[in-house]
Amino acid sequence: MTAPLSVFPDLPTELPEEREQAERLLHDALRVHASAQPAGDARRRDALRVLITADPLDLDSRMDLIHWHELHGEQEAADQERRHLEQARLALEAP
């Protein structure tokens, strides 16, 4: 089991970097997809939800989702997203 590590000595240190890059690329692609959806369309709401699922601390996407709900008169959903937004802000501020 140690043979692969001796063949690829830098692999354990490179994997987190590769994963971080892949996550950034995925997040960027999800953001482009969400932005490409018509503003009032449910597909934008759904794309924003996928984006937030991929990155729960994405405050901009949470704000966009709040605005989408407000645009559609869904005040309860907007309020729920505001609570999630506040939780995300607190998580980002935590030491």
C-alpha atoms as a PDB file:
ATOM      1  CA  MET A   1       0.000   0.000   0.000  1.00  0.00           C
ATOM      2  CA  THR A   2       2.924   2.387   0.423  1.00  0.00           C
ATOM      3  CA  ALA A   3       4.213   1.832  -3.127  1.00  0.00           C
ATOM      4  CA  PRO A   4       1.831   4.323  -4.783  1.00  0.00           C
ATOM      5  CA  LEU A   5       2.853   7.001  -2.316  1.00  0.00           C
ATOM      6  CA  SER A   6       6.513   6.478  -3.033  1.00  0.00           C
ATOM      7  CA  VAL A   7       5.816   6.667  -6.773  1.00  0.00           C
ATOM      8  CA  PHE A   8       3.732   9.853  -6.346  1.00  0.00           C
ATOM      9  CA  PRO A   9       5.342  11.572  -3.354  1.00  0.00           C
ATOM     10  CA  ASP A  10       3.605  14.914  -4.032  1.00  0.00           C
ATOM     11  CA  LEU A  11       0.158  13.429  -4.583  1.00  0.00           C
ATOM     12  CA  PRO A  12      -1.152  13.828  -0.998  1.00  0.00           C
ATOM     13  CA  THR A  13      -0.217  17.519  -0.999  1.00  0.00           C
ATOM     14  CA  GLU A  14      -1.524  18.161  -4.516  1.00  0.00           C
ATOM     15  CA  LEU A  15      -4.948  16.563  -4.050  1.00  0.00           C
ATOM     16  CA  PRO A  16      -6.375  19.331  -1.826  1.00  0.00           C
ATOM     17  CA  GLU A  17      -5.177  21.942  -4.333  1.00  0.00           C
ATOM     18  CA  GLU A  18      -6.754  20.048  -7.241  1.00  0.00           C
ATOM     19  CA  ARG A  19      -9.983  19.621  -5.320  1.00  0.00           C
ATOM     20  CA  GLU A  20     -10.113  23.324  -4.461  1.00  0.00           C
ATOM     21  CA  GLN A  21      -9.595  24.228  -8.116  1.00  0.00           C
ATOM     22  CA  ALA A  22     -12.305  21.791  -9.248  1.00  0.00           C
ATOM     23  CA  GLU A  23     -14.721  23.197  -6.659  1.00  0.00           C
ATOM     24  CA  ARG A  24     -14.018  26.754  -7.861  1.00  0.00           C
ATOM     25  CA  LEU A  25     -14.620  25.747 -11.472  1.00  0.00           C
ATOM     26  CA  LEU A  26     -17.866  24.018 -10.573  1.00  0.00           C
ATOM     27  CA  HIS A  27     -19.035  26.998  -8.540  1.00  0.00           C
ATOM     28  CA  ASP A  28     -18.197  29.382 -11.388  1.00  0.00           C
ATOM     29  CA  ALA A  29     -20.096  27.185 -13.870  1.00  0.00           C
ATOM     30  CA  LEU A  30     -23.116  27.029 -11.557  1.00  0.00           C
ATOM     31  CA  ARG A  31     -23.037  30.824 -11.164  1.00  0.00           C
ATOM     32  CA  VAL A  32     -22.926  31.335 -14.950  1.00  0.00           C
ATOM     33  CA  HIS A  33     -25.802  28.891 -15.349  1.00  0.00           C
ATOM     34  CA  ALA A  34     -27.901  30.704 -12.722  1.00  0.00           C
ATOM     35  CA  SER A  35     -27.152  34.082 -14.294  1.00  0.00           C
ATOM     36  CA  ALA A  36     -28.185  32.795 -17.714  1.00  0.00           C
ATOM     37  CA  GLN A  37     -31.683  31.924 -16.517  1.00  0.00           C
ATOM     38  CA  PRO A  38     -34.445  34.510 -17.039  1.00  0.00           C
ATOM     39  CA  ALA A  39     -34.813  36.649 -13.891  1.00  0.00           C
ATOM     40  CA  GLY A  40     -38.423  35.752 -13.177  1.00  0.00           C
ATOM     41  CA  ASP A  41     -38.211  32.120 -14.203  1.00  0.00           C
ATOM     42  CA  ALA A  42     -38.364  29.220 -11.742  1.00  0.00           C
ATOM     43  CA  ARG A  43     -35.247  27.852 -13.431  1.00  0.00           C
ATOM     44  CA  ARG A  44     -33.277  30.737 -11.932  1.00  0.00           C
ATOM     45  CA  ARG A  45     -34.633  29.923  -8.478  1.00  0.00           C
ATOM     46  CA  ASP A  46     -33.682  26.282  -8.947  1.00  0.00           C
ATOM     47  CA  ALA A  47     -30.219  27.171 -10.252  1.00  0.00           C
ATOM     48  CA  LEU A  48     -29.658  29.447  -7.249  1.00  0.00           C
ATOM     49  CA  ARG A  49     -30.681  26.643  -4.914  1.00  0.00           C
ATOM     50  CA  VAL A  50     -28.174  24.292  -6.557  1.00  0.00           C
ATOM     51  CA  LEU A  51     -25.507  26.971  -6.261  1.00  0.00           C
ATOM     52  CA  ILE A  52     -26.263  27.452  -2.555  1.00  0.00           C
ATOM     53  CA  THR A  53     -26.243  23.708  -1.984  1.00  0.00           C
ATOM     54  CA  ALA A  54     -22.772  23.565  -3.540  1.00  0.00           C
ATOM     55  CA  ASP A  55     -21.606  26.484  -1.376  1.00  0.00           C
ATOM     56  CA  PRO A  56     -23.831  27.223   1.632  1.00  0.00           C
ATOM     57  CA  LEU A  57     -21.716  30.277   2.475  1.00  0.00           C
ATOM     58  CA  ASP A  58     -22.340  31.978  -0.888  1.00  0.00           C
ATOM     59  CA  LEU A  59     -23.964  35.145   0.429  1.00  0.00           C
ATOM     60  CA  ASP A  60     -24.515  36.725  -2.993  1.00  0.00           C
ATOM     61  CA  SER A  61     -26.507  33.748  -4.236  1.00  0.00           C
ATOM     62  CA  ARG A  62     -28.559  33.748  -1.052  1.00  0.00           C
ATOM     63  CA  MET A  63     -29.371  37.435  -1.603  1.00  0.00           C
ATOM     64  CA  ASP A  64     -30.335  36.700  -5.214  1.00  0.00           C
ATOM     65  CA  LEU A  65     -32.639  33.938  -4.032  1.00  0.00           C
ATOM     66  CA  ILE A  66     -34.226  36.254  -1.457  1.00  0.00           C
ATOM     67  CA  HIS A  67     -34.878  38.800  -4.207  1.00  0.00           C
ATOM     68  CA  TRP A  68     -36.340  36.106  -6.458  1.00  0.00           C
ATOM     69  CA  HIS A  69     -38.808  35.090  -3.745  1.00  0.00           C
ATOM     70  CA  GLU A  70     -39.731  38.723  -3.088  1.00  0.00           C
ATOM     71  CA  LEU A  71     -40.295  39.300  -6.797  1.00  0.00           C
ATOM     72  CA  HIS A  72     -42.801  36.444  -6.763  1.00  0.00           C
ATOM     73  CA  GLY A  73     -44.558  37.552  -3.575  1.00  0.00           C
ATOM     74  CA  GLU A  74     -43.207  34.602  -1.600  1.00  0.00           C
ATOM     75  CA  GLN A  75     -42.498  36.486   1.606  1.00  0.00           C
ATOM     76  CA  GLU A  76     -42.348  33.421   3.848  1.00  0.00           C
ATOM     77  CA  ALA A  77     -39.710  31.811   1.616  1.00  0.00           C
ATOM     78  CA  ALA A  78     -37.793  35.110   1.466  1.00  0.00           C
ATOM     79  CA  ASP A  79     -37.847  35.350   5.268  1.00  0.00           C
ATOM     80  CA  GLN A  80     -36.614  31.783   5.575  1.00  0.00           C
ATOM     81  CA  GLU A  81     -33.752  32.546   3.199  1.00  0.00           C
ATOM     82  CA  ARG A  82     -32.930  35.662   5.254  1.00  0.00           C
ATOM     83  CA  ARG A  83     -32.547  33.447   8.313  1.00  0.00           C
ATOM     84  CA  HIS A  84     -30.238  31.162   6.344  1.00  0.00           C
ATOM     85  CA  LEU A  85     -28.308  34.209   5.159  1.00  0.00           C
ATOM     86  CA  GLU A  86     -27.814  35.398   8.729  1.00  0.00           C
ATOM     87  CA  GLN A  87     -26.626  31.928   9.770  1.00  0.00           C
ATOM     88  CA  ALA A  88     -24.127  31.914   6.879  1.00  0.00           C
ATOM     89  CA  ARG A  89     -22.859  35.370   7.880  1.00  0.00           C
ATOM     90  CA  LEU A  90     -22.377  34.204  11.467  1.00  0.00           C
ATOM     91  CA  ALA A  91     -20.529  31.113  10.247  1.00  0.00           C
ATOM     92  CA  LEU A  92     -18.187  33.276   8.199  1.00  0.00           C
ATOM     93  CA  GLU A  93     -17.498  35.552  11.165  1.00  0.00           C
ATOM     94  CA  ALA A  94     -16.810  32.701  13.589  1.00  0.00           C
ATOM     95  CA  PRO A  95     -13.146  32.264  14.508  1.00  0.00           C
END
